[in-house]
Amino acid sequence: MILYNVTTKILPDVHDEWLHWMKTVHVPDVMLTGHFSTYRLCKLDKMEEEEDAITYVFQYTAASRNELENYFNNHASRLREDVVKKFQDKFIAFRTVMELVDEG
C-alpha cells in the first residue's frame, strides 16, 4: 500500500473558504480519478503551528506505486492547477510518498 501525503499551510484569511472547497470539490475530484481507495484529512495541532498559517495533511491511499504513478501522469497537474488558480499565493504545499510496511 502506498500513502501519498499532501501537507498544506493555508493563510487564515482564506482558511474557511479553502477548507470548504477542498472538502467539497478538490478531494472528491481526486477520489473520482479512481487511483485512491481512501483518504484522511488531518489538521496539525495548534501547539505545532508556526507563524500565522494553519497546517493540514491530506493522506491518500493507493493500492500500488503504479496506481500513484498513473494519478501523477494523468491527473495531478490539472488538479494542482485548480488549487493554484483559486488560492494563488495564499498557501504552500509539499508532497511525500510512503510505502506502508506494517500496521497494528
N, C-alpha and C. Protein backbone atom coordinates (compact mmCIF):
# COMPACT_ATOMS: atom_id res chain seq x y z
N MET A 1 0.84 -1.17 0.00
CA MET A 1 0.00 0.00 0.00
C MET A 1 0.89 1.24 0.00
N ILE A 2 0.48 2.23 -0.76
CA ILE A 2 1.23 3.47 -0.90
C ILE A 2 0.41 4.61 -0.30
N LEU A 3 1.07 5.45 0.50
CA LEU A 3 0.43 6.61 1.10
C LEU A 3 1.00 7.86 0.45
N TYR A 4 0.12 8.67 -0.06
CA TYR A 4 0.50 9.92 -0.71
C TYR A 4 0.02 11.05 0.18
N ASN A 5 0.97 11.80 0.75
CA ASN A 5 0.66 12.89 1.67
C ASN A 5 0.83 14.23 0.98
N VAL A 6 -0.14 15.11 1.18
CA VAL A 6 -0.04 16.49 0.72
C VAL A 6 -0.20 17.37 1.95
N THR A 7 0.89 18.00 2.36
CA THR A 7 0.87 18.89 3.52
C THR A 7 0.72 20.31 3.01
N THR A 8 -0.26 21.02 3.56
CA THR A 8 -0.58 22.36 3.09
C THR A 8 -0.69 23.33 4.24
N LYS A 9 -0.03 24.48 4.10
CA LYS A 9 -0.18 25.59 5.03
C LYS A 9 -1.02 26.64 4.33
N ILE A 10 -2.11 27.03 4.99
CA ILE A 10 -3.05 27.98 4.39
C ILE A 10 -3.16 29.21 5.29
N LEU A 11 -3.23 30.37 4.68
CA LEU A 11 -3.37 31.61 5.46
C LEU A 11 -4.76 31.71 6.07
N PRO A 12 -4.85 32.25 7.27
CA PRO A 12 -6.14 32.33 7.96
C PRO A 12 -7.23 33.10 7.21
N ASP A 13 -6.87 34.11 6.43
CA ASP A 13 -7.90 34.92 5.78
C ASP A 13 -8.69 34.16 4.71
N VAL A 14 -8.18 33.05 4.22
CA VAL A 14 -8.91 32.24 3.25
C VAL A 14 -9.18 30.83 3.77
N HIS A 15 -8.83 30.58 5.02
CA HIS A 15 -8.93 29.23 5.57
C HIS A 15 -10.30 28.60 5.38
N ASP A 16 -11.36 29.27 5.81
CA ASP A 16 -12.70 28.68 5.77
C ASP A 16 -13.12 28.36 4.34
N GLU A 17 -12.89 29.30 3.44
CA GLU A 17 -13.24 29.07 2.03
C GLU A 17 -12.42 27.92 1.45
N TRP A 18 -11.12 27.91 1.74
CA TRP A 18 -10.22 26.86 1.25
C TRP A 18 -10.66 25.49 1.77
N LEU A 19 -10.90 25.37 3.06
CA LEU A 19 -11.27 24.09 3.64
C LEU A 19 -12.58 23.58 3.05
N HIS A 20 -13.55 24.45 2.91
CA HIS A 20 -14.83 24.05 2.31
C HIS A 20 -14.61 23.57 0.87
N TRP A 21 -13.83 24.32 0.11
CA TRP A 21 -13.58 23.96 -1.29
C TRP A 21 -12.81 22.64 -1.38
N MET A 22 -11.84 22.47 -0.52
CA MET A 22 -11.07 21.22 -0.54
C MET A 22 -11.97 20.02 -0.26
N LYS A 23 -12.84 20.14 0.74
CA LYS A 23 -13.70 19.03 1.13
C LYS A 23 -14.84 18.77 0.15
N THR A 24 -15.32 19.79 -0.54
CA THR A 24 -16.47 19.61 -1.41
C THR A 24 -16.14 19.52 -2.90
N VAL A 25 -14.95 20.00 -3.28
CA VAL A 25 -14.57 19.99 -4.70
C VAL A 25 -13.29 19.20 -4.93
N HIS A 26 -12.18 19.66 -4.34
CA HIS A 26 -10.88 19.09 -4.68
C HIS A 26 -10.74 17.62 -4.28
N VAL A 27 -10.98 17.30 -3.03
CA VAL A 27 -10.82 15.91 -2.60
C VAL A 27 -11.77 14.99 -3.36
N PRO A 28 -13.05 15.34 -3.54
CA PRO A 28 -13.89 14.47 -4.38
C PRO A 28 -13.35 14.30 -5.79
N ASP A 29 -12.78 15.37 -6.38
CA ASP A 29 -12.18 15.24 -7.71
C ASP A 29 -10.99 14.27 -7.70
N VAL A 30 -10.16 14.36 -6.67
CA VAL A 30 -9.02 13.43 -6.55
C VAL A 30 -9.53 12.00 -6.43
N MET A 31 -10.52 11.79 -5.59
CA MET A 31 -11.04 10.43 -5.39
C MET A 31 -11.73 9.89 -6.64
N LEU A 32 -12.37 10.78 -7.42
CA LEU A 32 -13.03 10.34 -8.66
C LEU A 32 -12.05 9.84 -9.72
N THR A 33 -10.76 10.13 -9.57
CA THR A 33 -9.78 9.62 -10.54
C THR A 33 -9.70 8.10 -10.48
N GLY A 34 -10.12 7.51 -9.35
CA GLY A 34 -10.10 6.06 -9.22
C GLY A 34 -8.77 5.47 -8.79
N HIS A 35 -7.79 6.30 -8.50
CA HIS A 35 -6.46 5.79 -8.16
C HIS A 35 -6.24 5.63 -6.66
N PHE A 36 -7.18 6.12 -5.86
CA PHE A 36 -7.05 6.03 -4.40
C PHE A 36 -8.28 5.35 -3.82
N SER A 37 -8.06 4.54 -2.78
CA SER A 37 -9.18 3.83 -2.16
C SER A 37 -9.75 4.60 -0.98
N THR A 38 -8.92 5.34 -0.26
CA THR A 38 -9.37 6.10 0.90
C THR A 38 -8.54 7.37 1.02
N TYR A 39 -9.02 8.26 1.88
CA TYR A 39 -8.22 9.45 2.22
C TYR A 39 -8.48 9.80 3.67
N ARG A 40 -7.55 10.56 4.23
CA ARG A 40 -7.69 11.14 5.56
C ARG A 40 -7.36 12.61 5.45
N LEU A 41 -8.05 13.40 6.25
CA LEU A 41 -7.74 14.82 6.36
C LEU A 41 -7.40 15.09 7.81
N CYS A 42 -6.19 15.57 8.06
CA CYS A 42 -5.73 15.84 9.42
C CYS A 42 -5.31 17.31 9.53
N LYS A 43 -5.59 17.87 10.70
CA LYS A 43 -5.15 19.23 10.98
C LYS A 43 -4.07 19.15 12.05
N LEU A 44 -2.96 19.85 11.83
CA LEU A 44 -1.91 19.87 12.83
C LEU A 44 -2.40 20.57 14.08
N ASP A 45 -2.03 20.06 15.21
CA ASP A 45 -2.41 20.63 16.49
C ASP A 45 -1.84 22.04 16.61
N LYS A 46 -2.57 22.92 17.23
CA LYS A 46 -2.13 24.32 17.39
C LYS A 46 -0.76 24.42 18.04
N MET A 47 -0.41 23.48 18.91
CA MET A 47 0.90 23.52 19.56
C MET A 47 2.03 23.41 18.54
N GLU A 48 1.72 22.83 17.40
CA GLU A 48 2.73 22.62 16.37
C GLU A 48 2.73 23.72 15.31
N GLU A 49 1.81 24.64 15.40
CA GLU A 49 1.69 25.67 14.37
C GLU A 49 2.88 26.62 14.37
N GLU A 50 3.27 27.01 13.20
CA GLU A 50 4.31 28.01 13.01
C GLU A 50 3.66 29.23 12.35
N GLU A 51 4.13 30.39 12.69
CA GLU A 51 3.67 31.62 12.06
C GLU A 51 2.16 31.75 12.16
N ASP A 52 1.54 32.32 11.14
CA ASP A 52 0.09 32.51 11.16
C ASP A 52 -0.64 31.53 10.27
N ALA A 53 0.03 30.59 9.69
CA ALA A 53 -0.61 29.64 8.78
C ALA A 53 -1.22 28.48 9.57
N ILE A 54 -2.24 27.89 8.98
CA ILE A 54 -2.89 26.71 9.54
C ILE A 54 -2.48 25.54 8.65
N THR A 55 -2.06 24.44 9.26
CA THR A 55 -1.50 23.33 8.51
C THR A 55 -2.41 22.11 8.51
N TYR A 56 -2.61 21.56 7.32
CA TYR A 56 -3.39 20.34 7.13
C TYR A 56 -2.55 19.31 6.38
N VAL A 57 -2.89 18.04 6.59
CA VAL A 57 -2.28 16.95 5.84
C VAL A 57 -3.40 16.12 5.23
N PHE A 58 -3.36 15.97 3.92
CA PHE A 58 -4.26 15.07 3.21
C PHE A 58 -3.46 13.80 2.95
N GLN A 59 -3.99 12.66 3.34
CA GLN A 59 -3.30 11.39 3.13
C GLN A 59 -4.19 10.49 2.29
N TYR A 60 -3.74 10.22 1.07
CA TYR A 60 -4.48 9.38 0.14
C TYR A 60 -3.83 8.00 0.09
N THR A 61 -4.65 6.94 0.01
CA THR A 61 -4.15 5.57 -0.01
C THR A 61 -4.33 4.98 -1.40
N ALA A 62 -3.22 4.54 -1.97
CA ALA A 62 -3.24 3.87 -3.28
C ALA A 62 -2.83 2.41 -3.10
N ALA A 63 -3.40 1.54 -3.90
CA ALA A 63 -3.10 0.10 -3.78
C ALA A 63 -1.67 -0.22 -4.19
N SER A 64 -1.10 0.58 -5.09
CA SER A 64 0.24 0.27 -5.60
C SER A 64 0.94 1.54 -6.08
N ARG A 65 2.23 1.43 -6.27
CA ARG A 65 3.01 2.54 -6.83
C ARG A 65 2.52 2.85 -8.25
N ASN A 66 2.13 1.82 -8.98
CA ASN A 66 1.62 2.01 -10.33
C ASN A 66 0.36 2.88 -10.33
N GLU A 67 -0.54 2.65 -9.39
CA GLU A 67 -1.74 3.49 -9.28
C GLU A 67 -1.36 4.95 -9.04
N LEU A 68 -0.40 5.16 -8.13
CA LEU A 68 0.03 6.52 -7.84
C LEU A 68 0.67 7.17 -9.07
N GLU A 69 1.52 6.44 -9.76
CA GLU A 69 2.16 6.98 -10.96
C GLU A 69 1.13 7.31 -12.04
N ASN A 70 0.10 6.49 -12.16
CA ASN A 70 -0.98 6.80 -13.12
C ASN A 70 -1.69 8.09 -12.72
N TYR A 71 -1.90 8.29 -11.43
CA TYR A 71 -2.50 9.54 -10.95
C TYR A 71 -1.60 10.72 -11.32
N PHE A 72 -0.30 10.60 -11.02
CA PHE A 72 0.64 11.68 -11.34
C PHE A 72 0.63 11.98 -12.84
N ASN A 73 0.67 10.96 -13.65
CA ASN A 73 0.77 11.12 -15.11
C ASN A 73 -0.51 11.66 -15.76
N ASN A 74 -1.66 11.35 -15.18
CA ASN A 74 -2.92 11.66 -15.85
C ASN A 74 -3.80 12.72 -15.19
N HIS A 75 -3.53 13.04 -13.91
CA HIS A 75 -4.46 13.92 -13.21
C HIS A 75 -3.81 14.99 -12.33
N ALA A 76 -2.67 14.71 -11.76
CA ALA A 76 -2.11 15.57 -10.72
C ALA A 76 -1.90 17.02 -11.18
N SER A 77 -1.33 17.22 -12.33
CA SER A 77 -1.06 18.58 -12.79
C SER A 77 -2.32 19.41 -12.90
N ARG A 78 -3.35 18.85 -13.49
CA ARG A 78 -4.62 19.56 -13.66
C ARG A 78 -5.24 19.91 -12.31
N LEU A 79 -5.24 18.96 -11.39
CA LEU A 79 -5.85 19.20 -10.09
C LEU A 79 -5.04 20.19 -9.26
N ARG A 80 -3.73 20.16 -9.37
CA ARG A 80 -2.89 21.15 -8.68
C ARG A 80 -3.15 22.55 -9.24
N GLU A 81 -3.27 22.64 -10.56
CA GLU A 81 -3.53 23.94 -11.19
C GLU A 81 -4.84 24.55 -10.71
N ASP A 82 -5.85 23.70 -10.49
CA ASP A 82 -7.14 24.19 -9.99
C ASP A 82 -6.98 24.88 -8.65
N VAL A 83 -6.17 24.28 -7.77
CA VAL A 83 -5.95 24.87 -6.44
C VAL A 83 -5.19 26.19 -6.57
N VAL A 84 -4.16 26.20 -7.41
CA VAL A 84 -3.36 27.41 -7.59
C VAL A 84 -4.21 28.54 -8.17
N LYS A 85 -5.04 28.23 -9.15
CA LYS A 85 -5.90 29.27 -9.74
C LYS A 85 -6.83 29.87 -8.70
N LYS A 86 -7.36 29.04 -7.83
CA LYS A 86 -8.35 29.51 -6.86
C LYS A 86 -7.72 30.24 -5.68
N PHE A 87 -6.55 29.75 -5.20
CA PHE A 87 -5.99 30.31 -3.96
C PHE A 87 -4.61 30.94 -4.13
N GLN A 88 -4.08 30.95 -5.31
CA GLN A 88 -2.85 31.63 -5.69
C GLN A 88 -1.76 31.58 -4.62
N ASP A 89 -1.41 32.72 -4.06
CA ASP A 89 -0.28 32.79 -3.12
C ASP A 89 -0.72 32.71 -1.66
N LYS A 90 -1.87 32.15 -1.40
CA LYS A 90 -2.40 32.05 -0.04
C LYS A 90 -2.03 30.74 0.65
N PHE A 91 -1.28 29.89 -0.01
CA PHE A 91 -0.92 28.59 0.56
C PHE A 91 0.43 28.12 0.02
N ILE A 92 1.00 27.18 0.74
CA ILE A 92 2.14 26.42 0.23
C ILE A 92 1.84 24.95 0.50
N ALA A 93 2.34 24.10 -0.37
CA ALA A 93 2.09 22.67 -0.21
C ALA A 93 3.35 21.90 -0.58
N PHE A 94 3.54 20.78 0.11
CA PHE A 94 4.58 19.86 -0.31
C PHE A 94 4.06 18.45 -0.19
N ARG A 95 4.64 17.58 -0.98
CA ARG A 95 4.13 16.22 -1.11
C ARG A 95 5.19 15.19 -0.75
N THR A 96 4.74 14.10 -0.13
CA THR A 96 5.62 12.98 0.18
C THR A 96 4.89 11.68 -0.16
N VAL A 97 5.67 10.67 -0.44
CA VAL A 97 5.13 9.34 -0.75
C VAL A 97 5.78 8.35 0.20
N MET A 98 4.94 7.51 0.81
CA MET A 98 5.44 6.48 1.73
C MET A 98 4.86 5.14 1.36
N GLU A 99 5.61 4.10 1.63
CA GLU A 99 5.10 2.74 1.49
C GLU A 99 4.74 2.24 2.87
N LEU A 100 3.54 1.73 3.03
CA LEU A 100 3.12 1.17 4.32
C LEU A 100 3.80 -0.18 4.49
N VAL A 101 4.59 -0.31 5.54
CA VAL A 101 5.34 -1.54 5.80
C VAL A 101 4.60 -2.44 6.77
N ASP A 102 3.97 -1.83 7.78
CA ASP A 102 3.28 -2.62 8.80
C ASP A 102 2.31 -1.71 9.54
N GLU A 103 1.23 -2.28 10.03
CA GLU A 103 0.33 -1.53 10.89
C GLU A 103 -0.33 -2.49 11.85
N GLY A 104 -0.73 -1.95 13.00
CA GLY A 104 -1.31 -2.80 14.05
C GLY A 104 -2.79 -2.72 14.10
